[in-house]
Amino acid sequence: MAIADKFDKAYADKSIDELADAPVAALKGVSDGDADLLKQAFNIKTVKDLGTNKFFLWAQATAKLAE
């Protein structure tokens, strides 16, 4: 399964840099409303912002350590 499979079809032919710069709503399952909430709460606008957000990273690390 390719990383592009995790994005809406409009992003299927994009490079990894373009995917990182894509709006959060480009991810499958993330609505425009979800993206608006992420922007309001955490100033997350792009996929890269989401993937590098300190709170999400801390939560991911905690979940991995708890396994």
PDB file of N, CA and C in Angstrom:
ATOM      1  N   MET A   1       0.842  -1.175   0.000  1.00  0.00           N
ATOM      2  CA  MET A   1       0.000   0.000   0.000  1.00  0.00           C
ATOM      3  C   MET A   1       0.892   1.244   0.000  1.00  0.00           C
ATOM      4  N   ALA A   2       0.662   2.106  -0.939  1.00  0.00           N
ATOM      5  CA  ALA A   2       1.457   3.327  -1.080  1.00  0.00           C
ATOM      6  C   ALA A   2       0.898   4.427  -0.183  1.00  0.00           C
ATOM      7  N   ILE A   3       1.752   5.360   0.163  1.00  0.00           N
ATOM      8  CA  ILE A   3       1.318   6.489   0.999  1.00  0.00           C
ATOM      9  C   ILE A   3       0.222   7.279   0.293  1.00  0.00           C
ATOM     10  N   ALA A   4       0.299   7.358  -1.031  1.00  0.00           N
ATOM     11  CA  ALA A   4      -0.713   8.101  -1.792  1.00  0.00           C
ATOM     12  C   ALA A   4      -2.108   7.508  -1.602  1.00  0.00           C
ATOM     13  N   ASP A   5      -2.188   6.233  -1.218  1.00  0.00           N
ATOM     14  CA  ASP A   5      -3.478   5.587  -0.956  1.00  0.00           C
ATOM     15  C   ASP A   5      -4.180   6.180   0.257  1.00  0.00           C
ATOM     16  N   LYS A   6      -3.478   6.905   1.056  1.00  0.00           N
ATOM     17  CA  LYS A   6      -4.040   7.524   2.262  1.00  0.00           C
ATOM     18  C   LYS A   6      -4.611   8.911   1.983  1.00  0.00           C
ATOM     19  N   PHE A   7      -4.509   9.346   0.735  1.00  0.00           N
ATOM     20  CA  PHE A   7      -4.975  10.669   0.322  1.00  0.00           C
ATOM     21  C   PHE A   7      -6.150  10.552  -0.640  1.00  0.00           C
ATOM     22  N   ASP A   8      -6.903  11.626  -0.759  1.00  0.00           N
ATOM     23  CA  ASP A   8      -7.981  11.683  -1.739  1.00  0.00           C
ATOM     24  C   ASP A   8      -7.411  11.474  -3.138  1.00  0.00           C
ATOM     25  N   LYS A   9      -8.246  11.007  -4.047  1.00  0.00           N
ATOM     26  CA  LYS A   9      -7.807  10.681  -5.406  1.00  0.00           C
ATOM     27  C   LYS A   9      -7.129  11.840  -6.119  1.00  0.00           C
ATOM     28  N   ALA A  10      -7.519  13.059  -5.813  1.00  0.00           N
ATOM     29  CA  ALA A  10      -6.921  14.226  -6.463  1.00  0.00           C
ATOM     30  C   ALA A  10      -5.423  14.342  -6.187  1.00  0.00           C
ATOM     31  N   TYR A  11      -4.939  13.638  -5.181  1.00  0.00           N
ATOM     32  CA  TYR A  11      -3.531  13.717  -4.787  1.00  0.00           C
ATOM     33  C   TYR A  11      -2.745  12.462  -5.177  1.00  0.00           C
ATOM     34  N   ALA A  12      -3.341  11.578  -5.936  1.00  0.00           N
ATOM     35  CA  ALA A  12      -2.732  10.286  -6.269  1.00  0.00           C
ATOM     36  C   ALA A  12      -1.402  10.417  -7.012  1.00  0.00           C
ATOM     37  N   ASP A  13      -1.244  11.439  -7.818  1.00  0.00           N
ATOM     38  CA  ASP A  13      -0.030  11.581  -8.627  1.00  0.00           C
ATOM     39  C   ASP A  13       0.946  12.621  -8.076  1.00  0.00           C
ATOM     40  N   LYS A  14       0.750  13.036  -6.846  1.00  0.00           N
ATOM     41  CA  LYS A  14       1.588  14.085  -6.251  1.00  0.00           C
ATOM     42  C   LYS A  14       2.869  13.503  -5.655  1.00  0.00           C
ATOM     43  N   SER A  15       3.907  14.326  -5.641  1.00  0.00           N
ATOM     44  CA  SER A  15       5.173  13.923  -5.017  1.00  0.00           C
ATOM     45  C   SER A  15       5.023  13.947  -3.499  1.00  0.00           C
ATOM     46  N   ILE A  16       5.971  13.379  -2.806  1.00  0.00           N
ATOM     47  CA  ILE A  16       5.921  13.352  -1.344  1.00  0.00           C
ATOM     48  C   ILE A  16       5.973  14.771  -0.779  1.00  0.00           C
ATOM     49  N   ASP A  17       6.717  15.658  -1.416  1.00  0.00           N
ATOM     50  CA  ASP A  17       6.761  17.051  -0.967  1.00  0.00           C
ATOM     51  C   ASP A  17       5.407  17.726  -1.150  1.00  0.00           C
ATOM     52  N   GLU A  18       4.740  17.441  -2.266  1.00  0.00           N
ATOM     53  CA  GLU A  18       3.414  18.006  -2.500  1.00  0.00           C
ATOM     54  C   GLU A  18       2.397  17.445  -1.512  1.00  0.00           C
ATOM     55  N   LEU A  19       2.530  16.163  -1.167  1.00  0.00           N
ATOM     56  CA  LEU A  19       1.632  15.563  -0.173  1.00  0.00           C
ATOM     57  C   LEU A  19       1.840  16.210   1.186  1.00  0.00           C
ATOM     58  N   ALA A  20       3.075  16.455   1.559  1.00  0.00           N
ATOM     59  CA  ALA A  20       3.369  17.090   2.851  1.00  0.00           C
ATOM     60  C   ALA A  20       2.791  18.500   2.917  1.00  0.00           C
ATOM     61  N   ASP A  21       2.790  19.189   1.794  1.00  0.00           N
ATOM     62  CA  ASP A  21       2.275  20.560   1.744  1.00  0.00           C
ATOM     63  C   ASP A  21       0.773  20.621   1.476  1.00  0.00           C
ATOM     64  N   ALA A  22       0.143  19.483   1.277  1.00  0.00           N
ATOM     65  CA  ALA A  22      -1.296  19.442   0.985  1.00  0.00           C
ATOM     66  C   ALA A  22      -2.092  19.826   2.236  1.00  0.00           C
ATOM     67  N   PRO A  23      -3.284  20.361   2.027  1.00  0.00           N
ATOM     68  CA  PRO A  23      -4.132  20.662   3.188  1.00  0.00           C
ATOM     69  C   PRO A  23      -4.514  19.370   3.916  1.00  0.00           C
ATOM     70  N   VAL A  24      -4.748  19.471   5.194  1.00  0.00           N
ATOM     71  CA  VAL A  24      -5.084  18.299   6.009  1.00  0.00           C
ATOM     72  C   VAL A  24      -6.298  17.557   5.440  1.00  0.00           C
ATOM     73  N   ALA A  25      -7.238  18.293   4.872  1.00  0.00           N
ATOM     74  CA  ALA A  25      -8.442  17.671   4.311  1.00  0.00           C
ATOM     75  C   ALA A  25      -8.135  16.785   3.106  1.00  0.00           C
ATOM     76  N   ALA A  26      -6.906  16.824   2.601  1.00  0.00           N
ATOM     77  CA  ALA A  26      -6.514  15.939   1.501  1.00  0.00           C
ATOM     78  C   ALA A  26      -6.382  14.488   1.975  1.00  0.00           C
ATOM     79  N   LEU A  27      -6.218  14.287   3.275  1.00  0.00           N
ATOM     80  CA  LEU A  27      -6.136  12.930   3.830  1.00  0.00           C
ATOM     81  C   LEU A  27      -7.509  12.279   3.802  1.00  0.00           C
ATOM     82  N   LYS A  28      -7.549  11.014   3.387  1.00  0.00           N
ATOM     83  CA  LYS A  28      -8.816  10.290   3.382  1.00  0.00           C
ATOM     84  C   LYS A  28      -9.378  10.261   4.795  1.00  0.00           C
ATOM     85  N   GLY A  29     -10.650  10.601   4.915  1.00  0.00           N
ATOM     86  CA  GLY A  29     -11.316  10.547   6.206  1.00  0.00           C
ATOM     87  C   GLY A  29     -11.278  11.846   6.994  1.00  0.00           C
ATOM     88  N   VAL A  30     -10.543  12.841   6.504  1.00  0.00           N
ATOM     89  CA  VAL A  30     -10.499  14.132   7.180  1.00  0.00           C
ATOM     90  C   VAL A  30     -11.368  15.106   6.387  1.00  0.00           C
ATOM     91  N   SER A  31     -12.410  15.566   7.011  1.00  0.00           N
ATOM     92  CA  SER A  31     -13.341  16.470   6.337  1.00  0.00           C
ATOM     93  C   SER A  31     -12.834  17.908   6.406  1.00  0.00           C
ATOM     94  N   ASP A  32     -13.462  18.776   5.637  1.00  0.00           N
ATOM     95  CA  ASP A  32     -13.126  20.201   5.718  1.00  0.00           C
ATOM     96  C   ASP A  32     -13.416  20.735   7.121  1.00  0.00           C
ATOM     97  N   GLY A  33     -14.479  20.242   7.735  1.00  0.00           N
ATOM     98  CA  GLY A  33     -14.808  20.649   9.103  1.00  0.00           C
ATOM     99  C   GLY A  33     -13.746  20.214  10.094  1.00  0.00           C
ATOM    100  N   ASP A  34     -13.259  18.970   9.938  1.00  0.00           N
ATOM    101  CA  ASP A  34     -12.170  18.478  10.792  1.00  0.00           C
ATOM    102  C   ASP A  34     -10.932  19.355  10.617  1.00  0.00           C
ATOM    103  N   ALA A  35     -10.630  19.676   9.363  1.00  0.00           N
ATOM    104  CA  ALA A  35      -9.458  20.506   9.067  1.00  0.00           C
ATOM    105  C   ALA A  35      -9.599  21.883   9.704  1.00  0.00           C
ATOM    106  N   ASP A  36     -10.801  22.445   9.660  1.00  0.00           N
ATOM    107  CA  ASP A  36     -11.035  23.744  10.290  1.00  0.00           C
ATOM    108  C   ASP A  36     -10.803  23.678  11.793  1.00  0.00           C
ATOM    109  N   LEU A  37     -11.257  22.598  12.427  1.00  0.00           N
ATOM    110  CA  LEU A  37     -11.049  22.444  13.871  1.00  0.00           C
ATOM    111  C   LEU A  37      -9.569  22.311  14.212  1.00  0.00           C
ATOM    112  N   LEU A  38      -8.832  21.540  13.407  1.00  0.00           N
ATOM    113  CA  LEU A  38      -7.393  21.403  13.642  1.00  0.00           C
ATOM    114  C   LEU A  38      -6.680  22.740  13.486  1.00  0.00           C
ATOM    115  N   LYS A  39      -7.125  23.532  12.518  1.00  0.00           N
ATOM    116  CA  LYS A  39      -6.524  24.852  12.313  1.00  0.00           C
ATOM    117  C   LYS A  39      -6.813  25.764  13.499  1.00  0.00           C
ATOM    118  N   GLN A  40      -8.050  25.750  13.964  1.00  0.00           N
ATOM    119  CA  GLN A  40      -8.432  26.607  15.091  1.00  0.00           C
ATOM    120  C   GLN A  40      -7.720  26.203  16.377  1.00  0.00           C
ATOM    121  N   ALA A  41      -7.678  24.908  16.643  1.00  0.00           N
ATOM    122  CA  ALA A  41      -7.140  24.431  17.916  1.00  0.00           C
ATOM    123  C   ALA A  41      -5.616  24.388  17.962  1.00  0.00           C
ATOM    124  N   PHE A  42      -4.987  24.013  16.834  1.00  0.00           N
ATOM    125  CA  PHE A  42      -3.543  23.764  16.848  1.00  0.00           C
ATOM    126  C   PHE A  42      -2.772  24.492  15.747  1.00  0.00           C
ATOM    127  N   ASN A  43      -3.455  25.332  14.968  1.00  0.00           N
ATOM    128  CA  ASN A  43      -2.838  26.021  13.824  1.00  0.00           C
ATOM    129  C   ASN A  43      -2.256  25.034  12.817  1.00  0.00           C
ATOM    130  N   ILE A  44      -2.924  23.904  12.652  1.00  0.00           N
ATOM    131  CA  ILE A  44      -2.501  22.883  11.697  1.00  0.00           C
ATOM    132  C   ILE A  44      -3.224  23.140  10.387  1.00  0.00           C
ATOM    133  N   LYS A  45      -2.428  23.392   9.334  1.00  0.00           N
ATOM    134  CA  LYS A  45      -2.993  23.689   8.023  1.00  0.00           C
ATOM    135  C   LYS A  45      -2.635  22.632   6.986  1.00  0.00           C
ATOM    136  N   THR A  46      -1.468  22.019   7.125  1.00  0.00           N
ATOM    137  CA  THR A  46      -0.988  21.057   6.134  1.00  0.00           C
ATOM    138  C   THR A  46      -0.757  19.693   6.765  1.00  0.00           C
ATOM    139  N   VAL A  47      -0.555  18.710   5.913  1.00  0.00           N
ATOM    140  CA  VAL A  47      -0.244  17.358   6.388  1.00  0.00           C
ATOM    141  C   VAL A  47       1.061  17.380   7.185  1.00  0.00           C
ATOM    142  N   LYS A  48       2.018  18.162   6.729  1.00  0.00           N
ATOM    143  CA  LYS A  48       3.293  18.279   7.458  1.00  0.00           C
ATOM    144  C   LYS A  48       3.070  18.872   8.843  1.00  0.00           C
ATOM    145  N   ASP A  49       2.228  19.901   8.927  1.00  0.00           N
ATOM    146  CA  ASP A  49       1.906  20.488  10.234  1.00  0.00           C
ATOM    147  C   ASP A  49       1.340  19.424  11.169  1.00  0.00           C
ATOM    148  N   LEU A  50       0.449  18.603  10.650  1.00  0.00           N
ATOM    149  CA  LEU A  50      -0.172  17.546  11.453  1.00  0.00           C
ATOM    150  C   LEU A  50       0.869  16.536  11.916  1.00  0.00           C
ATOM    151  N   GLY A  51       1.729  16.123  10.994  1.00  0.00           N
ATOM    152  CA  GLY A  51       2.731  15.098  11.304  1.00  0.00           C
ATOM    153  C   GLY A  51       3.843  15.558  12.216  1.00  0.00           C
ATOM    154  N   THR A  52       4.003  16.860  12.357  1.00  0.00           N
ATOM    155  CA  THR A  52       5.088  17.376  13.194  1.00  0.00           C
ATOM    156  C   THR A  52       4.582  18.121  14.424  1.00  0.00           C
ATOM    157  N   ASN A  53       3.283  18.087  14.651  1.00  0.00           N
ATOM    158  CA  ASN A  53       2.708  18.761  15.809  1.00  0.00           C
ATOM    159  C   ASN A  53       3.190  18.092  17.095  1.00  0.00           C
ATOM    160  N   LYS A  54       3.713  18.886  18.023  1.00  0.00           N
ATOM    161  CA  LYS A  54       4.307  18.319  19.236  1.00  0.00           C
ATOM    162  C   LYS A  54       3.313  17.523  20.074  1.00  0.00           C
ATOM    163  N   PHE A  55       2.073  17.943  20.123  1.00  0.00           N
ATOM    164  CA  PHE A  55       1.092  17.216  20.929  1.00  0.00           C
ATOM    165  C   PHE A  55       0.777  15.848  20.325  1.00  0.00           C
ATOM    166  N   PHE A  56       0.676  15.806  19.016  1.00  0.00           N
ATOM    167  CA  PHE A  56       0.420  14.532  18.345  1.00  0.00           C
ATOM    168  C   PHE A  56       1.633  13.610  18.458  1.00  0.00           C
ATOM    169  N   LEU A  57       2.826  14.185  18.367  1.00  0.00           N
ATOM    170  CA  LEU A  57       4.037  13.381  18.522  1.00  0.00           C
ATOM    171  C   LEU A  57       4.155  12.815  19.937  1.00  0.00           C
ATOM    172  N   TRP A  58       3.826  13.647  20.938  1.00  0.00           N
ATOM    173  CA  TRP A  58       3.876  13.164  22.326  1.00  0.00           C
ATOM    174  C   TRP A  58       2.853  12.044  22.544  1.00  0.00           C
ATOM    175  N   ALA A  59       1.669  12.209  21.999  1.00  0.00           N
ATOM    176  CA  ALA A  59       0.628  11.190  22.149  1.00  0.00           C
ATOM    177  C   ALA A  59       1.040   9.898  21.455  1.00  0.00           C
ATOM    178  N   GLN A  60       1.631  10.004  20.267  1.00  0.00           N
ATOM    179  CA  GLN A  60       2.089   8.824  19.539  1.00  0.00           C
ATOM    180  C   GLN A  60       3.192   8.102  20.311  1.00  0.00           C
ATOM    181  N   ALA A  61       4.131   8.854  20.840  1.00  0.00           N
ATOM    182  CA  ALA A  61       5.227   8.246  21.602  1.00  0.00           C
ATOM    183  C   ALA A  61       4.697   7.551  22.851  1.00  0.00           C
ATOM    184  N   THR A  62       3.750   8.165  23.535  1.00  0.00           N
ATOM    185  CA  THR A  62       3.146   7.561  24.722  1.00  0.00           C
ATOM    186  C   THR A  62       2.436   6.267  24.365  1.00  0.00           C
ATOM    187  N   ALA A  63       1.690   6.282  23.271  1.00  0.00           N
ATOM    188  CA  ALA A  63       0.963   5.078  22.844  1.00  0.00           C
ATOM    189  C   ALA A  63       1.943   3.955  22.498  1.00  0.00           C
ATOM    190  N   LYS A  64       3.035   4.287  21.826  1.00  0.00           N
ATOM    191  CA  LYS A  64       4.038   3.267  21.473  1.00  0.00           C
ATOM    192  C   LYS A  64       4.710   2.696  22.717  1.00  0.00           C
ATOM    193  N   LEU A  65       5.049   3.556  23.670  1.00  0.00           N
ATOM    194  CA  LEU A  65       5.674   3.083  24.899  1.00  0.00           C
ATOM    195  C   LEU A  65       4.722   2.208  25.720  1.00  0.00           C
ATOM    196  N   ALA A  66       3.450   2.485  25.625  1.00  0.00           N
ATOM    197  CA  ALA A  66       2.462   1.722  26.381  1.00  0.00           C
ATOM    198  C   ALA A  66       2.219   0.333  25.780  1.00  0.00           C
ATOM    199  N   GLU A  67       2.639   0.121  24.547  1.00  0.00           N
ATOM    200  CA  GLU A  67       2.430  -1.192  23.909  1.00  0.00           C
ATOM    201  C   GLU A  67       3.231  -2.244  24.596  1.00  0.00           C
TER     202      GLU A  67
END
